Amino acid sequence: MCIDWGLSMLLSWWLFNFNDLATLLLFCVGQIIGVGFTGHTIGHRTFGLQVQSMDGSAVKPLQGLIRSLLLCLAIPVFVTDKDQRGLHDRLPKTILVNIK
């Protein structure tokens, strides 16, 4: 997540003079596109991680959208279950797995 946020900050600095809302929106769009269509963002790919559905299949775009929007709220990340899955993973029924 730090890599993705850092890239969003870099783009925000370059395009929008470090506007906070622009940084958040760039991060959210990157998450929606990355997770919703490929299952991973640049940060996930760097560390060999992928977001998958609970049954091991590819994430559907709607799951990626829901997960990304909840992730941008930040609070769902801190609400975890016994498997350490945050609310942003529990509601869309996704899981972050190591693919290395």
PDB file of N, CA and C in Angstrom:
ATOM      1  N   MET A   1       0.825  -1.181   0.000  1.00  0.00           N
ATOM      2  CA  MET A   1       0.000   0.000   0.000  1.00  0.00           C
ATOM      3  C   MET A   1       0.876   1.253   0.000  1.00  0.00           C
ATOM      4  N   CYS A   2       2.025   1.189   0.648  1.00  0.00           N
ATOM      5  CA  CYS A   2       2.905   2.357   0.704  1.00  0.00           C
ATOM      6  C   CYS A   2       3.429   2.734  -0.683  1.00  0.00           C
ATOM      7  N   ILE A   3       3.728   1.726  -1.490  1.00  0.00           N
ATOM      8  CA  ILE A   3       4.211   2.004  -2.846  1.00  0.00           C
ATOM      9  C   ILE A   3       3.109   2.685  -3.650  1.00  0.00           C
ATOM     10  N   ASP A   4       1.892   2.151  -3.568  1.00  0.00           N
ATOM     11  CA  ASP A   4       0.772   2.723  -4.318  1.00  0.00           C
ATOM     12  C   ASP A   4       0.449   4.142  -3.846  1.00  0.00           C
ATOM     13  N   TRP A   5       0.499   4.356  -2.533  1.00  0.00           N
ATOM     14  CA  TRP A   5       0.240   5.695  -2.000  1.00  0.00           C
ATOM     15  C   TRP A   5       1.352   6.653  -2.429  1.00  0.00           C
ATOM     16  N   GLY A   6       2.593   6.192  -2.404  1.00  0.00           N
ATOM     17  CA  GLY A   6       3.720   7.019  -2.830  1.00  0.00           C
ATOM     18  C   GLY A   6       3.611   7.424  -4.291  1.00  0.00           C
ATOM     19  N   LEU A   7       3.204   6.492  -5.144  1.00  0.00           N
ATOM     20  CA  LEU A   7       3.006   6.826  -6.560  1.00  0.00           C
ATOM     21  C   LEU A   7       1.867   7.822  -6.732  1.00  0.00           C
ATOM     22  N   SER A   8       0.822   7.669  -5.929  1.00  0.00           N
ATOM     23  CA  SER A   8      -0.289   8.621  -5.983  1.00  0.00           C
ATOM     24  C   SER A   8       0.161  10.014  -5.539  1.00  0.00           C
ATOM     25  N   MET A   9       1.001  10.055  -4.514  1.00  0.00           N
ATOM     26  CA  MET A   9       1.524  11.345  -4.052  1.00  0.00           C
ATOM     27  C   MET A   9       2.412  11.989  -5.114  1.00  0.00           C
ATOM     28  N   LEU A  10       3.214  11.184  -5.773  1.00  0.00           N
ATOM     29  CA  LEU A  10       4.086  11.693  -6.827  1.00  0.00           C
ATOM     30  C   LEU A  10       3.263  12.288  -7.973  1.00  0.00           C
ATOM     31  N   LEU A  11       2.231  11.570  -8.400  1.00  0.00           N
ATOM     32  CA  LEU A  11       1.353  12.094  -9.453  1.00  0.00           C
ATOM     33  C   LEU A  11       0.607  13.334  -8.989  1.00  0.00           C
ATOM     34  N   SER A  12       0.170  13.325  -7.742  1.00  0.00           N
ATOM     35  CA  SER A  12      -0.534  14.487  -7.196  1.00  0.00           C
ATOM     36  C   SER A  12       0.380  15.712  -7.153  1.00  0.00           C
ATOM     37  N   TRP A  13       1.626  15.501  -6.787  1.00  0.00           N
ATOM     38  CA  TRP A  13       2.594  16.604  -6.765  1.00  0.00           C
ATOM     39  C   TRP A  13       2.817  17.137  -8.171  1.00  0.00           C
ATOM     40  N   TRP A  14       2.955  16.226  -9.124  1.00  0.00           N
ATOM     41  CA  TRP A  14       3.241  16.607 -10.501  1.00  0.00           C
ATOM     42  C   TRP A  14       2.051  17.280 -11.169  1.00  0.00           C
ATOM     43  N   LEU A  15       0.847  16.758 -10.946  1.00  0.00           N
ATOM     44  CA  LEU A  15      -0.334  17.255 -11.655  1.00  0.00           C
ATOM     45  C   LEU A  15      -1.182  18.253 -10.874  1.00  0.00           C
ATOM     46  N   PHE A  16      -1.229  18.126  -9.541  1.00  0.00           N
ATOM     47  CA  PHE A  16      -2.183  18.905  -8.750  1.00  0.00           C
ATOM     48  C   PHE A  16      -1.562  19.649  -7.572  1.00  0.00           C
ATOM     49  N   ASN A  17      -0.259  19.848  -7.573  1.00  0.00           N
ATOM     50  CA  ASN A  17       0.422  20.600  -6.515  1.00  0.00           C
ATOM     51  C   ASN A  17       0.114  20.043  -5.117  1.00  0.00           C
ATOM     52  N   PHE A  18       0.206  18.716  -4.970  1.00  0.00           N
ATOM     53  CA  PHE A  18       0.006  18.012  -3.692  1.00  0.00           C
ATOM     54  C   PHE A  18      -1.371  18.208  -3.074  1.00  0.00           C
ATOM     55  N   ASN A  19      -2.395  18.304  -3.877  1.00  0.00           N
ATOM     56  CA  ASN A  19      -3.748  18.423  -3.349  1.00  0.00           C
ATOM     57  C   ASN A  19      -4.135  17.113  -2.674  1.00  0.00           C
ATOM     58  N   ASP A  20      -4.593  17.190  -1.414  1.00  0.00           N
ATOM     59  CA  ASP A  20      -4.908  15.984  -0.639  1.00  0.00           C
ATOM     60  C   ASP A  20      -6.004  15.144  -1.286  1.00  0.00           C
ATOM     61  N   LEU A  21      -7.057  15.796  -1.733  1.00  0.00           N
ATOM     62  CA  LEU A  21      -8.161  15.078  -2.358  1.00  0.00           C
ATOM     63  C   LEU A  21      -7.712  14.418  -3.659  1.00  0.00           C
ATOM     64  N   ALA A  22      -6.880  15.094  -4.410  1.00  0.00           N
ATOM     65  CA  ALA A  22      -6.364  14.530  -5.656  1.00  0.00           C
ATOM     66  C   ALA A  22      -5.522  13.292  -5.366  1.00  0.00           C
ATOM     67  N   THR A  23      -4.720  13.335  -4.313  1.00  0.00           N
ATOM     68  CA  THR A  23      -3.911  12.172  -3.936  1.00  0.00           C
ATOM     69  C   THR A  23      -4.804  10.989  -3.606  1.00  0.00           C
ATOM     70  N   LEU A  24      -5.845  11.218  -2.809  1.00  0.00           N
ATOM     71  CA  LEU A  24      -6.761  10.149  -2.436  1.00  0.00           C
ATOM     72  C   LEU A  24      -7.492   9.600  -3.661  1.00  0.00           C
ATOM     73  N   LEU A  25      -7.940  10.477  -4.534  1.00  0.00           N
ATOM     74  CA  LEU A  25      -8.640  10.025  -5.736  1.00  0.00           C
ATOM     75  C   LEU A  25      -7.727   9.246  -6.676  1.00  0.00           C
ATOM     76  N   LEU A  26      -6.489   9.688  -6.827  1.00  0.00           N
ATOM     77  CA  LEU A  26      -5.533   8.958  -7.658  1.00  0.00           C
ATOM     78  C   LEU A  26      -5.260   7.571  -7.071  1.00  0.00           C
ATOM     79  N   PHE A  27      -5.128   7.501  -5.751  1.00  0.00           N
ATOM     80  CA  PHE A  27      -4.932   6.218  -5.082  1.00  0.00           C
ATOM     81  C   PHE A  27      -6.133   5.308  -5.311  1.00  0.00           C
ATOM     82  N   CYS A  28      -7.331   5.857  -5.140  1.00  0.00           N
ATOM     83  CA  CYS A  28      -8.553   5.082  -5.297  1.00  0.00           C
ATOM     84  C   CYS A  28      -8.697   4.566  -6.731  1.00  0.00           C
ATOM     85  N   VAL A  29      -8.465   5.418  -7.703  1.00  0.00           N
ATOM     86  CA  VAL A  29      -8.556   5.002  -9.105  1.00  0.00           C
ATOM     87  C   VAL A  29      -7.522   3.918  -9.412  1.00  0.00           C
ATOM     88  N   GLY A  30      -6.326   4.072  -8.894  1.00  0.00           N
ATOM     89  CA  GLY A  30      -5.295   3.053  -9.095  1.00  0.00           C
ATOM     90  C   GLY A  30      -5.693   1.717  -8.491  1.00  0.00           C
ATOM     91  N   GLN A  31      -6.313   1.751  -7.314  1.00  0.00           N
ATOM     92  CA  GLN A  31      -6.782   0.527  -6.666  1.00  0.00           C
ATOM     93  C   GLN A  31      -7.916  -0.110  -7.467  1.00  0.00           C
ATOM     94  N   ILE A  32      -8.865   0.714  -7.896  1.00  0.00           N
ATOM     95  CA  ILE A  32     -10.015   0.195  -8.649  1.00  0.00           C
ATOM     96  C   ILE A  32      -9.551  -0.472  -9.935  1.00  0.00           C
ATOM     97  N   ILE A  33      -8.696   0.203 -10.674  1.00  0.00           N
ATOM     98  CA  ILE A  33      -8.216  -0.347 -11.944  1.00  0.00           C
ATOM     99  C   ILE A  33      -7.326  -1.563 -11.709  1.00  0.00           C
ATOM    100  N   GLY A  34      -6.368  -1.423 -10.804  1.00  0.00           N
ATOM    101  CA  GLY A  34      -5.420  -2.506 -10.561  1.00  0.00           C
ATOM    102  C   GLY A  34      -6.074  -3.755 -10.000  1.00  0.00           C
ATOM    103  N   VAL A  35      -6.792  -3.607  -8.900  1.00  0.00           N
ATOM    104  CA  VAL A  35      -7.395  -4.765  -8.248  1.00  0.00           C
ATOM    105  C   VAL A  35      -8.603  -5.268  -9.035  1.00  0.00           C
ATOM    106  N   GLY A  36      -9.405  -4.347  -9.540  1.00  0.00           N
ATOM    107  CA  GLY A  36     -10.627  -4.741 -10.231  1.00  0.00           C
ATOM    108  C   GLY A  36     -10.415  -5.468 -11.539  1.00  0.00           C
ATOM    109  N   PHE A  37      -9.300  -5.216 -12.203  1.00  0.00           N
ATOM    110  CA  PHE A  37      -9.093  -5.827 -13.517  1.00  0.00           C
ATOM    111  C   PHE A  37      -7.929  -6.810 -13.587  1.00  0.00           C
ATOM    112  N   THR A  38      -6.939  -6.661 -12.714  1.00  0.00           N
ATOM    113  CA  THR A  38      -5.804  -7.585 -12.770  1.00  0.00           C
ATOM    114  C   THR A  38      -5.587  -8.344 -11.460  1.00  0.00           C
ATOM    115  N   GLY A  39      -6.225  -7.899 -10.385  1.00  0.00           N
ATOM    116  CA  GLY A  39      -6.048  -8.564  -9.100  1.00  0.00           C
ATOM    117  C   GLY A  39      -4.898  -8.025  -8.282  1.00  0.00           C
ATOM    118  N   HIS A  40      -4.123  -7.097  -8.846  1.00  0.00           N
ATOM    119  CA  HIS A  40      -3.033  -6.517  -8.062  1.00  0.00           C
ATOM    120  C   HIS A  40      -2.684  -5.131  -8.577  1.00  0.00           C
ATOM    121  N   THR A  41      -2.107  -4.361  -7.672  1.00  0.00           N
ATOM    122  CA  THR A  41      -1.607  -3.033  -8.005  1.00  0.00           C
ATOM    123  C   THR A  41      -0.094  -3.141  -8.196  1.00  0.00           C
ATOM    124  N   ILE A  42       0.546  -2.035  -8.469  1.00  0.00           N
ATOM    125  CA  ILE A  42       2.004  -2.035  -8.615  1.00  0.00           C
ATOM    126  C   ILE A  42       2.664  -2.484  -7.310  1.00  0.00           C
ATOM    127  N   GLY A  43       2.154  -2.004  -6.187  1.00  0.00           N
ATOM    128  CA  GLY A  43       2.698  -2.406  -4.886  1.00  0.00           C
ATOM    129  C   GLY A  43       2.498  -3.886  -4.617  1.00  0.00           C
ATOM    130  N   HIS A  44       1.314  -4.407  -4.920  1.00  0.00           N
ATOM    131  CA  HIS A  44       1.069  -5.844  -4.743  1.00  0.00           C
ATOM    132  C   HIS A  44       2.020  -6.665  -5.605  1.00  0.00           C
ATOM    133  N   ARG A  45       2.149  -6.266  -6.855  1.00  0.00           N
ATOM    134  CA  ARG A  45       3.004  -7.018  -7.781  1.00  0.00           C
ATOM    135  C   ARG A  45       4.459  -6.986  -7.312  1.00  0.00           C
ATOM    136  N   THR A  46       4.897  -5.855  -6.785  1.00  0.00           N
ATOM    137  CA  THR A  46       6.267  -5.729  -6.294  1.00  0.00           C
ATOM    138  C   THR A  46       6.573  -6.757  -5.204  1.00  0.00           C
ATOM    139  N   PHE A  47       5.601  -6.998  -4.341  1.00  0.00           N
ATOM    140  CA  PHE A  47       5.803  -7.930  -3.228  1.00  0.00           C
ATOM    141  C   PHE A  47       5.234  -9.314  -3.481  1.00  0.00           C
ATOM    142  N   GLY A  48       4.795  -9.598  -4.710  1.00  0.00           N
ATOM    143  CA  GLY A  48       4.297 -10.922  -5.052  1.00  0.00           C
ATOM    144  C   GLY A  48       2.960 -11.259  -4.425  1.00  0.00           C
ATOM    145  N   LEU A  49       2.077 -10.269  -4.332  1.00  0.00           N
ATOM    146  CA  LEU A  49       0.761 -10.471  -3.735  1.00  0.00           C
ATOM    147  C   LEU A  49      -0.325 -10.298  -4.781  1.00  0.00           C
ATOM    148  N   GLN A  50      -1.477 -10.929  -4.540  1.00  0.00           N
ATOM    149  CA  GLN A  50      -2.611 -10.778  -5.441  1.00  0.00           C
ATOM    150  C   GLN A  50      -3.899 -10.858  -4.640  1.00  0.00           C
ATOM    151  N   VAL A  51      -4.868 -10.049  -5.024  1.00  0.00           N
ATOM    152  CA  VAL A  51      -6.192 -10.106  -4.422  1.00  0.00           C
ATOM    153  C   VAL A  51      -7.005 -11.110  -5.224  1.00  0.00           C
ATOM    154  N   GLN A  52      -7.609 -12.069  -4.519  1.00  0.00           N
ATOM    155  CA  GLN A  52      -8.432 -13.093  -5.157  1.00  0.00           C
ATOM    156  C   GLN A  52      -9.760 -13.198  -4.434  1.00  0.00           C
ATOM    157  N   SER A  53     -10.738 -13.805  -5.106  1.00  0.00           N
ATOM    158  CA  SER A  53     -11.994 -14.139  -4.447  1.00  0.00           C
ATOM    159  C   SER A  53     -11.712 -15.239  -3.435  1.00  0.00           C
ATOM    160  N   MET A  54     -12.598 -15.423  -2.490  1.00  0.00           N
ATOM    161  CA  MET A  54     -12.384 -16.429  -1.443  1.00  0.00           C
ATOM    162  C   MET A  54     -12.268 -17.846  -1.998  1.00  0.00           C
ATOM    163  N   ASP A  55     -12.835 -18.098  -3.173  1.00  0.00           N
ATOM    164  CA  ASP A  55     -12.734 -19.432  -3.761  1.00  0.00           C
ATOM    165  C   ASP A  55     -11.478 -19.611  -4.611  1.00  0.00           C
ATOM    166  N   GLY A  56     -10.607 -18.607  -4.634  1.00  0.00           N
ATOM    167  CA  GLY A  56      -9.353 -18.686  -5.377  1.00  0.00           C
ATOM    168  C   GLY A  56      -9.446 -18.206  -6.808  1.00  0.00           C
ATOM    169  N   SER A  57     -10.627 -17.799  -7.232  1.00  0.00           N
ATOM    170  CA  SER A  57     -10.792 -17.306  -8.600  1.00  0.00           C
ATOM    171  C   SER A  57     -10.397 -15.833  -8.680  1.00  0.00           C
ATOM    172  N   ALA A  58     -10.363 -15.324  -9.896  1.00  0.00           N
ATOM    173  CA  ALA A  58      -9.996 -13.923 -10.107  1.00  0.00           C
ATOM    174  C   ALA A  58     -11.059 -12.997  -9.516  1.00  0.00           C
ATOM    175  N   VAL A  59     -10.613 -11.838  -9.082  1.00  0.00           N
ATOM    176  CA  VAL A  59     -11.518 -10.828  -8.535  1.00  0.00           C
ATOM    177  C   VAL A  59     -12.362 -10.258  -9.666  1.00  0.00           C
ATOM    178  N   LYS A  60     -13.643 -10.103  -9.404  1.00  0.00           N
ATOM    179  CA  LYS A  60     -14.537  -9.470 -10.373  1.00  0.00           C
ATOM    180  C   LYS A  60     -14.423  -7.957 -10.216  1.00  0.00           C
ATOM    181  N   PRO A  61     -14.660  -7.193 -11.284  1.00  0.00           N
ATOM    182  CA  PRO A  61     -14.535  -5.735 -11.191  1.00  0.00           C
ATOM    183  C   PRO A  61     -15.371  -5.111 -10.067  1.00  0.00           C
ATOM    184  N   LEU A  62     -16.571  -5.623  -9.820  1.00  0.00           N
ATOM    185  CA  LEU A  62     -17.397  -5.072  -8.742  1.00  0.00           C
ATOM    186  C   LEU A  62     -16.753  -5.323  -7.381  1.00  0.00           C
ATOM    187  N   GLN A  63     -16.158  -6.487  -7.193  1.00  0.00           N
ATOM    188  CA  GLN A  63     -15.442  -6.777  -5.941  1.00  0.00           C
ATOM    189  C   GLN A  63     -14.269  -5.813  -5.772  1.00  0.00           C
ATOM    190  N   GLY A  64     -13.544  -5.568  -6.858  1.00  0.00           N
ATOM    191  CA  GLY A  64     -12.426  -4.637  -6.808  1.00  0.00           C
ATOM    192  C   GLY A  64     -12.875  -3.230  -6.478  1.00  0.00           C
ATOM    193  N   LEU A  65     -14.012  -2.818  -7.028  1.00  0.00           N
ATOM    194  CA  LEU A  65     -14.559  -1.491  -6.748  1.00  0.00           C
ATOM    195  C   LEU A  65     -14.932  -1.353  -5.280  1.00  0.00           C
ATOM    196  N   ILE A  66     -15.662  -2.328  -4.766  1.00  0.00           N
ATOM    197  CA  ILE A  66     -16.085  -2.282  -3.357  1.00  0.00           C
ATOM    198  C   ILE A  66     -14.870  -2.282  -2.437  1.00  0.00           C
ATOM    199  N   ARG A  67     -13.920  -3.162  -2.707  1.00  0.00           N
ATOM    200  CA  ARG A  67     -12.714  -3.258  -1.882  1.00  0.00           C
ATOM    201  C   ARG A  67     -11.939  -1.944  -1.895  1.00  0.00           C
ATOM    202  N   SER A  68     -11.803  -1.349  -3.067  1.00  0.00           N
ATOM    203  CA  SER A  68     -11.031  -0.111  -3.204  1.00  0.00           C
ATOM    204  C   SER A  68     -11.699   1.053  -2.483  1.00  0.00           C
ATOM    205  N   LEU A  69     -13.006   1.175  -2.624  1.00  0.00           N
ATOM    206  CA  LEU A  69     -13.714   2.268  -1.959  1.00  0.00           C
ATOM    207  C   LEU A  69     -13.631   2.131  -0.444  1.00  0.00           C
ATOM    208  N   LEU A  70     -13.780   0.905   0.063  1.00  0.00           N
ATOM    209  CA  LEU A  70     -13.653   0.694   1.504  1.00  0.00           C
ATOM    210  C   LEU A  70     -12.231   0.949   1.989  1.00  0.00           C
ATOM    211  N   LEU A  71     -11.252   0.555   1.194  1.00  0.00           N
ATOM    212  CA  LEU A  71      -9.850   0.790   1.552  1.00  0.00           C
ATOM    213  C   LEU A  71      -9.562   2.281   1.684  1.00  0.00           C
ATOM    214  N   CYS A  72     -10.165   3.080   0.820  1.00  0.00           N
ATOM    215  CA  CYS A  72      -9.938   4.524   0.862  1.00  0.00           C
ATOM    216  C   CYS A  72     -10.579   5.180   2.080  1.00  0.00           C
ATOM    217  N   LEU A  73     -11.542   4.521   2.709  1.00  0.00           N
ATOM    218  CA  LEU A  73     -12.124   5.044   3.947  1.00  0.00           C
ATOM    219  C   LEU A  73     -11.187   4.861   5.134  1.00  0.00           C
ATOM    220  N   ALA A  74     -10.214   3.965   5.008  1.00  0.00           N
ATOM    221  CA  ALA A  74      -9.171   3.664   6.002  1.00  0.00           C
ATOM    222  C   ALA A  74      -9.697   2.949   7.244  1.00  0.00           C
ATOM    223  N   ILE A  75     -10.849   3.277   7.757  1.00  0.00           N
ATOM    224  CA  ILE A  75     -11.361   2.637   8.968  1.00  0.00           C
ATOM    225  C   ILE A  75     -11.549   1.131   8.775  1.00  0.00           C
ATOM    226  N   PRO A  76     -12.108   0.643   7.649  1.00  0.00           N
ATOM    227  CA  PRO A  76     -12.286  -0.806   7.495  1.00  0.00           C
ATOM    228  C   PRO A  76     -10.998  -1.610   7.588  1.00  0.00           C
ATOM    229  N   VAL A  77      -9.873  -0.997   7.326  1.00  0.00           N
ATOM    230  CA  VAL A  77      -8.600  -1.703   7.404  1.00  0.00           C
ATOM    231  C   VAL A  77      -8.322  -2.139   8.839  1.00  0.00           C
ATOM    232  N   PHE A  78      -8.799  -1.376   9.806  1.00  0.00           N
ATOM    233  CA  PHE A  78      -8.524  -1.659  11.212  1.00  0.00           C
ATOM    234  C   PHE A  78      -9.539  -2.596  11.849  1.00  0.00           C
ATOM    235  N   VAL A  79     -10.609  -2.929  11.128  1.00  0.00           N
ATOM    236  CA  VAL A  79     -11.615  -3.859  11.624  1.00  0.00           C
ATOM    237  C   VAL A  79     -11.306  -5.211  11.004  1.00  0.00           C
ATOM    238  N   THR A  80     -10.664  -6.091  11.784  1.00  0.00           N
ATOM    239  CA  THR A  80     -10.215  -7.375  11.234  1.00  0.00           C
ATOM    240  C   THR A  80     -10.926  -8.541  11.906  1.00  0.00           C
ATOM    241  N   ASP A  81     -10.886  -9.692  11.247  1.00  0.00           N
ATOM    242  CA  ASP A  81     -11.445 -10.906  11.816  1.00  0.00           C
ATOM    243  C   ASP A  81     -10.317 -11.818  12.293  1.00  0.00           C
ATOM    244  N   LYS A  82     -10.656 -13.028  12.667  1.00  0.00           N
ATOM    245  CA  LYS A  82      -9.645 -13.965  13.199  1.00  0.00           C
ATOM    246  C   LYS A  82      -8.591 -14.340  12.168  1.00  0.00           C
ATOM    247  N   ASP A  83      -8.905 -14.196  10.867  1.00  0.00           N
ATOM    248  CA  ASP A  83      -7.952 -14.501   9.804  1.00  0.00           C
ATOM    249  C   ASP A  83      -7.147 -13.282   9.371  1.00  0.00           C
ATOM    250  N   GLN A  84      -7.271 -12.186  10.107  1.00  0.00           N
ATOM    251  CA  GLN A  84      -6.581 -10.922   9.823  1.00  0.00           C
ATOM    252  C   GLN A  84      -7.042 -10.285   8.508  1.00  0.00           C
ATOM    253  N   ARG A  85      -8.263 -10.580   8.076  1.00  0.00           N
ATOM    254  CA  ARG A  85      -8.834  -9.933   6.894  1.00  0.00           C
ATOM    255  C   ARG A  85      -9.610  -8.718   7.363  1.00  0.00           C
ATOM    256  N   GLY A  86      -9.307  -7.583   6.768  1.00  0.00           N
ATOM    257  CA  GLY A  86     -10.004  -6.358   7.124  1.00  0.00           C
ATOM    258  C   GLY A  86     -11.405  -6.326   6.539  1.00  0.00           C
ATOM    259  N   LEU A  87     -12.194  -5.388   7.003  1.00  0.00           N
ATOM    260  CA  LEU A  87     -13.558  -5.214   6.510  1.00  0.00           C
ATOM    261  C   LEU A  87     -13.560  -4.964   5.002  1.00  0.00           C
ATOM    262  N   HIS A  88     -12.504  -4.308   4.505  1.00  0.00           N
ATOM    263  CA  HIS A  88     -12.408  -4.055   3.066  1.00  0.00           C
ATOM    264  C   HIS A  88     -12.213  -5.344   2.270  1.00  0.00           C
ATOM    265  N   ASP A  89     -11.802  -6.427   2.919  1.00  0.00           N
ATOM    266  CA  ASP A  89     -11.700  -7.739   2.269  1.00  0.00           C
ATOM    267  C   ASP A  89     -12.895  -8.622   2.597  1.00  0.00           C
ATOM    268  N   ARG A  90     -13.475  -8.461   3.771  1.00  0.00           N
ATOM    269  CA  ARG A  90     -14.592  -9.321   4.167  1.00  0.00           C
ATOM    270  C   ARG A  90     -15.862  -9.006   3.388  1.00  0.00           C
ATOM    271  N   LEU A  91     -16.201  -7.733   3.235  1.00  0.00           N
ATOM    272  CA  LEU A  91     -17.451  -7.387   2.542  1.00  0.00           C
ATOM    273  C   LEU A  91     -17.469  -7.832   1.080  1.00  0.00           C
ATOM    274  N   PRO A  92     -16.417  -7.591   0.293  1.00  0.00           N
ATOM    275  CA  PRO A  92     -16.455  -8.078  -1.093  1.00  0.00           C
ATOM    276  C   PRO A  92     -16.038  -9.546  -1.245  1.00  0.00           C
ATOM    277  N   LYS A  93     -15.777 -10.222  -0.112  1.00  0.00           N
ATOM    278  CA  LYS A  93     -15.363 -11.636  -0.114  1.00  0.00           C
ATOM    279  C   LYS A  93     -14.083 -11.857  -0.926  1.00  0.00           C
ATOM    280  N   THR A  94     -13.044 -11.085  -0.563  1.00  0.00           N
ATOM    281  CA  THR A  94     -11.743 -11.210  -1.208  1.00  0.00           C
ATOM    282  C   THR A  94     -10.693 -11.537  -0.155  1.00  0.00           C
ATOM    283  N   ILE A  95      -9.525 -11.927  -0.643  1.00  0.00           N
ATOM    284  CA  ILE A  95      -8.400 -12.224   0.251  1.00  0.00           C
ATOM    285  C   ILE A  95      -7.107 -11.873  -0.494  1.00  0.00           C
ATOM    286  N   LEU A  96      -6.132 -11.379   0.240  1.00  0.00           N
ATOM    287  CA  LEU A  96      -4.816 -11.037  -0.326  1.00  0.00           C
ATOM    288  C   LEU A  96      -3.897 -12.239  -0.103  1.00  0.00           C
ATOM    289  N   VAL A  97      -3.390 -12.797  -1.204  1.00  0.00           N
ATOM    290  CA  VAL A  97      -2.572 -14.001  -1.097  1.00  0.00           C
ATOM    291  C   VAL A  97      -1.182 -13.781  -1.684  1.00  0.00           C
ATOM    292  N   ASN A  98      -0.226 -14.558  -1.186  1.00  0.00           N
ATOM    293  CA  ASN A  98       1.146 -14.535  -1.698  1.00  0.00           C
ATOM    294  C   ASN A  98       1.205 -15.457  -2.906  1.00  0.00           C
ATOM    295  N   ILE A  99       1.662 -14.939  -4.048  1.00  0.00           N
ATOM    296  CA  ILE A  99       1.703 -15.756  -5.264  1.00  0.00           C
ATOM    297  C   ILE A  99       3.136 -16.100  -5.693  1.00  0.00           C
ATOM    298  N   LYS A 100       4.120 -15.772  -4.873  1.00  0.00           N
ATOM    299  CA  LYS A 100       5.513 -16.094  -5.195  1.00  0.00           C
ATOM    300  C   LYS A 100       5.801 -17.539  -4.944  1.00  0.00           C
TER     301      LYS A 100
END
